[in-house]
């Protein structure tokens, strides 16, 4: 069985429409799976469902989420939190809002290790210093004593990466972890995440808008539109022979860095109309 196995997952607003439509995907141990699609396609919602951090206004309406062989949705909430805390972690999108501005960096890494995993404070602090050095932060002891506002955006994101890897999780959800950074720092952070993932053998669910990131980091790929997976494939096959017209249109719309003067190719209206019809047909089939 895959380490993460999502089967027929549907998520909806409690008083509104569907946000995910019977999503099924798997992530093997040490594998990197990308989730791509337009804003609002449901990429981040998948990660939140896996980690049990869906907003209060949203609910899982059907499906199963097997994590390390256990169906999370059949567990009591407290038991589910312990299971997720022991084997999974999140690298969030915005390091400034993800870190508590009123707390020093050290406790923001170590408290999870102490409270959830039962580590001693000394062991947790030693692990935090080790990870800060691994993510190439100079003078980790000083940074442990610092507040988030005293650090750059790149350093804050490195801290979140260190925090995610601290408990040696088997799965990390990376929710567009470079969006809030400038282009130069983005490249550094992507290399860092890829290197950490390879060294630690962690499975990675990577949410991104950037197909260039997918080509460098991921082995498998799920393409979403309006909560529906329209293509599930290997990255090699996606870039050489995409099967779905929407996937092909996304590829064609990607700017060509080798030809900066070339015009942009937006996704054609006909493709959008067709994939919207596909979503509507799915909804009719489910409720008809």
Protein backbone atom coordinates (compact mmCIF):
# COMPACT_ATOMS: atom_id res chain seq x y z
CA UNK A 1 0.00 0.00 0.00
CA UNK A 2 1.12 3.58 -0.70
CA UNK A 3 2.17 5.62 2.30
CA UNK A 4 -0.57 8.14 1.42
CA UNK A 5 -3.61 6.71 -0.35
CA UNK A 6 -6.55 9.05 -1.00
CA UNK A 7 -9.63 7.27 -2.30
CA UNK A 8 -12.68 9.06 -3.69
CA UNK A 9 -12.27 12.12 -1.47
CA UNK A 10 -15.00 14.74 -1.74
CA UNK A 11 -14.90 17.97 0.26
CA UNK A 12 -17.59 20.63 0.26
CA UNK A 13 -18.65 23.79 1.97
CA UNK A 14 -21.15 22.90 4.70
CA UNK A 15 -23.61 25.33 3.13
CA UNK A 16 -22.33 25.40 -0.42
CA UNK A 17 -20.83 23.62 -3.40
CA UNK A 18 -18.24 20.88 -3.74
CA UNK A 19 -14.57 21.86 -3.48
CA UNK A 20 -13.03 18.44 -4.20
CA UNK A 21 -14.75 15.89 -6.42
CA UNK A 22 -13.91 12.22 -5.75
CA UNK A 23 -10.15 12.83 -5.69
CA UNK A 24 -8.01 9.69 -5.71
CA UNK A 25 -4.21 9.71 -5.65
CA UNK A 26 -1.32 7.89 -4.04
CA UNK A 27 2.10 8.91 -2.76
CA UNK A 28 4.68 6.19 -2.26
CA UNK A 29 7.36 6.30 0.42
CA UNK A 30 10.09 8.82 -0.54
CA UNK A 31 8.12 9.93 -3.63
CA UNK A 32 7.36 13.52 -4.63
CA UNK A 33 3.91 14.13 -6.13
CA UNK A 34 3.01 17.54 -7.51
CA UNK A 35 -0.48 19.06 -7.41
CA UNK A 36 -1.01 21.72 -10.11
CA UNK A 37 -3.89 23.77 -11.43
CA UNK A 38 -5.32 27.27 -11.34
CA UNK A 39 -6.05 29.16 -8.13
CA UNK A 40 -9.14 27.62 -6.54
CA UNK A 41 -8.62 24.23 -8.20
CA UNK A 42 -8.44 22.49 -4.82
CA UNK A 43 -4.69 21.82 -4.56
CA UNK A 44 -4.22 23.19 -1.05
CA UNK A 45 -7.55 21.70 0.05
CA UNK A 46 -6.15 18.20 -0.55
CA UNK A 47 -3.19 18.90 1.71
CA UNK A 48 -5.41 20.39 4.41
CA UNK A 49 -7.71 17.36 4.30
CA UNK A 50 -4.73 15.04 4.74
CA UNK A 51 -3.37 17.05 7.68
CA UNK A 52 -6.79 17.51 9.30
CA UNK A 53 -6.71 21.31 9.12
CA UNK A 54 -9.75 22.02 6.95
CA UNK A 55 -11.51 25.31 7.78
CA UNK A 56 -14.57 25.01 10.09
CA UNK A 57 -16.88 25.90 7.19
CA UNK A 58 -15.69 22.89 5.16
CA UNK A 59 -16.36 19.17 5.60
CA UNK A 60 -15.39 15.85 4.06
CA UNK A 61 -18.54 14.44 2.49
CA UNK A 62 -17.15 11.09 1.33
CA UNK A 63 -13.98 9.15 0.73
CA UNK A 64 -11.04 7.67 2.59
CA UNK A 65 -7.57 8.98 3.49
CA UNK A 66 -5.14 6.21 4.37
CA UNK A 67 -1.94 7.50 5.97
CA UNK A 68 0.66 4.87 6.85
CA UNK A 69 -2.01 2.19 6.40
CA UNK A 70 -4.60 3.80 8.70
CA UNK A 71 -7.85 5.46 7.55
CA UNK A 72 -7.67 8.88 9.19
CA UNK A 73 -11.35 9.61 8.69
CA UNK A 74 -12.36 6.63 10.84
CA UNK A 75 -10.27 7.75 13.81
CA UNK A 76 -11.41 9.84 16.76
CA UNK A 77 -10.21 13.48 16.39
CA UNK A 78 -7.67 13.27 19.23
CA UNK A 79 -6.27 9.98 17.94
CA UNK A 80 -6.12 11.40 14.41
CA UNK A 81 -4.15 14.45 15.58
CA UNK A 82 -1.60 12.22 17.33
CA UNK A 83 -1.21 10.04 14.26
CA UNK A 84 -0.77 12.97 11.89
CA UNK A 85 1.60 14.74 14.29
CA UNK A 86 3.80 11.67 14.48
CA UNK A 87 4.21 10.98 10.76
CA UNK A 88 3.33 14.15 8.79
CA UNK A 89 4.21 17.84 8.68
CA UNK A 90 3.50 21.03 6.71
CA UNK A 91 5.68 23.60 4.99
CA UNK A 92 3.22 26.52 4.66
CA UNK A 93 3.08 29.18 1.98
CA UNK A 94 3.83 32.37 3.92
CA UNK A 95 6.60 32.19 6.53
CA UNK A 96 5.70 35.57 8.03
CA UNK A 97 2.15 34.57 8.98
CA UNK A 98 3.06 30.96 9.81
CA UNK A 99 5.47 31.96 12.58
CA UNK A 100 4.14 33.48 15.80
CA UNK A 101 5.57 37.04 15.96
CA UNK A 102 5.47 37.12 19.77
CA UNK A 103 7.53 33.94 20.30
CA UNK A 104 11.21 33.29 19.75
CA UNK A 105 12.17 30.85 16.99
CA UNK A 106 13.49 28.12 19.28
CA UNK A 107 10.21 27.18 21.00
CA UNK A 108 8.36 27.31 17.67
CA UNK A 109 10.49 24.38 16.52
CA UNK A 110 10.87 22.49 19.79
CA UNK A 111 7.38 22.72 21.33
CA UNK A 112 5.92 20.27 18.81
CA UNK A 113 8.66 17.75 19.55
CA UNK A 114 8.08 18.06 23.29
CA UNK A 115 4.27 18.22 23.33
CA UNK A 116 3.38 15.76 20.57
CA UNK A 117 6.33 13.35 20.48
CA UNK A 118 7.24 13.49 24.16
CA UNK A 119 10.88 14.48 23.66
CA UNK A 120 12.85 16.13 26.45
CA UNK A 121 13.48 19.84 26.02
CA UNK A 122 17.24 19.24 25.72
CA UNK A 123 16.79 16.65 22.98
CA UNK A 124 14.37 18.90 21.09
CA UNK A 125 16.73 21.90 21.28
CA UNK A 126 19.67 19.81 20.07
CA UNK A 127 17.58 18.59 17.14
CA UNK A 128 16.50 22.15 16.29
CA UNK A 129 20.11 23.37 16.22
CA UNK A 130 21.07 20.43 14.01
CA UNK A 131 18.26 21.12 11.54
CA UNK A 132 18.92 24.88 11.39
CA UNK A 133 22.50 24.09 10.44
CA UNK A 134 21.27 21.60 7.81
CA UNK A 135 19.08 24.27 6.17
CA UNK A 136 22.21 26.45 5.96
CA UNK A 137 21.32 29.05 8.56
CA UNK A 138 24.47 30.64 10.04
CA UNK A 139 24.74 30.84 13.84
CA UNK A 140 21.74 28.62 14.67
CA UNK A 141 21.98 29.38 18.40
CA UNK A 142 21.46 33.11 17.75
CA UNK A 143 18.55 32.41 15.41
CA UNK A 144 16.92 30.20 18.07
CA UNK A 145 16.83 33.27 20.32
CA UNK A 146 15.52 35.59 17.60
CA UNK A 147 11.98 36.73 16.83
CA UNK A 148 10.56 36.24 13.31
CA UNK A 149 10.61 39.95 12.45
CA UNK A 150 14.36 40.01 13.02
CA UNK A 151 14.95 37.59 10.15
CA UNK A 152 14.64 37.78 6.37
CA UNK A 153 11.90 36.05 4.41
CA UNK A 154 14.33 33.44 3.12
CA UNK A 155 15.59 32.67 6.63
CA UNK A 156 12.03 32.38 7.92
CA UNK A 157 11.19 29.89 5.18
CA UNK A 158 14.33 27.89 5.98
CA UNK A 159 13.16 27.76 9.60
CA UNK A 160 9.78 26.38 8.53
CA UNK A 161 11.55 23.72 6.45
CA UNK A 162 13.72 22.79 9.43
CA UNK A 163 10.63 22.63 11.63
CA UNK A 164 8.82 20.38 9.14
CA UNK A 165 11.71 17.90 9.02
CA UNK A 166 12.48 18.06 12.75
CA UNK A 167 10.51 14.97 13.82
CA UNK A 168 11.63 12.93 10.78
CA UNK A 169 8.10 12.76 9.30
CA UNK A 170 7.35 10.24 6.58
CA UNK A 171 5.18 12.73 4.67
CA UNK A 172 5.45 16.51 4.21
CA UNK A 173 2.84 18.69 2.53
CA UNK A 174 4.59 21.66 0.91
CA UNK A 175 1.91 24.26 0.15
CA UNK A 176 3.47 26.59 -2.43
CA UNK A 177 6.49 27.13 -0.16
CA UNK A 178 8.23 29.64 -2.47
CA UNK A 179 5.30 31.89 -3.44
CA UNK A 180 6.10 34.64 -0.92
CA UNK A 181 9.82 34.81 -1.87
CA UNK A 182 11.72 36.64 -4.58
CA UNK A 183 12.99 34.63 -7.55
CA UNK A 184 16.60 34.24 -6.37
CA UNK A 185 15.57 33.00 -2.95
CA UNK A 186 12.95 30.71 -4.54
CA UNK A 187 15.67 28.78 -6.35
CA UNK A 188 17.69 28.39 -3.15
CA UNK A 189 14.65 27.15 -1.21
CA UNK A 190 13.67 24.67 -3.93
CA UNK A 191 17.19 23.21 -4.00
CA UNK A 192 17.10 23.02 -0.22
CA UNK A 193 13.75 21.20 -0.09
CA UNK A 194 14.81 18.77 -2.82
CA UNK A 195 18.08 18.03 -1.04
CA UNK A 196 16.39 17.55 2.34
CA UNK A 197 13.73 15.29 0.82
CA UNK A 198 16.37 13.12 -0.85
CA UNK A 199 18.57 12.85 2.26
CA UNK A 200 15.71 12.08 4.64
CA UNK A 201 13.71 9.88 2.25
CA UNK A 202 10.51 11.78 2.98
CA UNK A 203 7.40 11.53 0.82
CA UNK A 204 6.37 14.96 -0.42
CA UNK A 205 3.02 16.31 -1.60
CA UNK A 206 4.05 19.49 -3.42
CA UNK A 207 1.40 22.13 -4.19
CA UNK A 208 2.47 24.62 -6.85
CA UNK A 209 1.40 26.79 -9.79
CA UNK A 210 4.84 26.51 -11.37
CA UNK A 211 5.38 23.74 -13.91
CA UNK A 212 9.09 24.55 -13.87
CA UNK A 213 9.14 23.54 -10.20
CA UNK A 214 7.28 20.34 -11.08
CA UNK A 215 9.89 19.41 -13.69
CA UNK A 216 12.72 19.81 -11.18
CA UNK A 217 11.23 18.37 -7.99
CA UNK A 218 8.41 15.89 -8.70
CA UNK A 219 8.14 12.34 -10.04
CA UNK A 220 4.32 12.08 -10.24
CA UNK A 221 1.71 14.73 -10.98
CA UNK A 222 -2.01 15.35 -10.49
CA UNK A 223 -3.63 18.13 -12.53
CA UNK A 224 -6.79 19.62 -11.01
CA UNK A 225 -9.58 21.83 -12.29
CA UNK A 226 -12.43 22.88 -10.00
CA UNK A 227 -11.71 20.08 -7.53
CA UNK A 228 -11.59 17.37 -10.20
CA UNK A 229 -8.41 15.47 -11.09
CA UNK A 230 -8.30 15.65 -14.89
CA UNK A 231 -4.92 13.95 -15.28
CA UNK A 232 -2.83 11.70 -13.04
CA UNK A 233 0.50 10.81 -14.59
CA UNK A 234 4.26 10.70 -14.30
CA UNK A 235 6.09 13.99 -14.73
CA UNK A 236 8.05 12.57 -17.70
CA UNK A 237 4.83 11.64 -19.51
CA UNK A 238 3.17 14.94 -18.66
CA UNK A 239 5.91 17.00 -20.29
CA UNK A 240 6.26 14.76 -23.35
CA UNK A 241 2.67 13.62 -24.03
CA UNK A 242 -0.03 15.18 -21.84
CA UNK A 243 -3.29 13.25 -22.24
CA UNK A 244 -5.87 15.85 -21.24
CA UNK A 245 -6.43 19.00 -23.36
CA UNK A 246 -6.34 21.16 -20.22
CA UNK A 247 -2.91 19.75 -19.31
CA UNK A 248 -1.63 20.47 -22.81
CA UNK A 249 -3.03 24.02 -22.58
CA UNK A 250 -1.27 24.60 -19.25
CA UNK A 251 2.01 23.50 -20.80
CA UNK A 252 1.48 25.78 -23.80
CA UNK A 253 0.71 28.70 -21.47
CA UNK A 254 4.01 28.37 -19.60
CA UNK A 255 6.38 31.28 -20.44
CA UNK A 256 9.44 30.25 -22.43
CA UNK A 257 12.50 31.50 -20.59
CA UNK A 258 14.63 30.71 -23.63
CA UNK A 259 12.54 33.20 -25.64
CA UNK A 260 11.62 36.09 -23.29
CA UNK A 261 10.12 38.15 -26.13
CA UNK A 262 7.62 35.45 -27.11
CA UNK A 263 3.99 36.25 -26.42
CA UNK A 264 1.93 34.52 -23.76
CA UNK A 265 -0.50 31.76 -24.70
CA UNK A 266 -3.50 31.81 -22.36
CA UNK A 267 -5.57 28.67 -21.97
CA UNK A 268 -8.10 28.81 -24.85
CA UNK A 269 -11.74 29.48 -23.99
CA UNK A 270 -12.73 26.27 -25.79
CA UNK A 271 -10.55 24.21 -23.44
CA UNK A 272 -11.99 25.96 -20.37
CA UNK A 273 -15.52 25.40 -21.66
CA UNK A 274 -14.78 21.72 -22.24
CA UNK A 275 -13.28 21.10 -18.80
CA UNK A 276 -16.12 23.00 -17.15
CA UNK A 277 -18.54 20.74 -19.01
CA UNK A 278 -16.57 17.75 -17.73
CA UNK A 279 -16.96 19.01 -14.14
CA UNK A 280 -20.68 19.64 -14.67
CA UNK A 281 -21.16 16.17 -16.14
CA UNK A 282 -19.38 14.66 -13.14
CA UNK A 283 -21.69 16.55 -10.77
CA UNK A 284 -24.79 15.41 -12.66
CA UNK A 285 -23.59 11.82 -12.54
CA UNK A 286 -22.97 12.06 -8.79
CA UNK A 287 -26.32 13.69 -7.98
CA UNK A 288 -28.49 12.63 -10.86
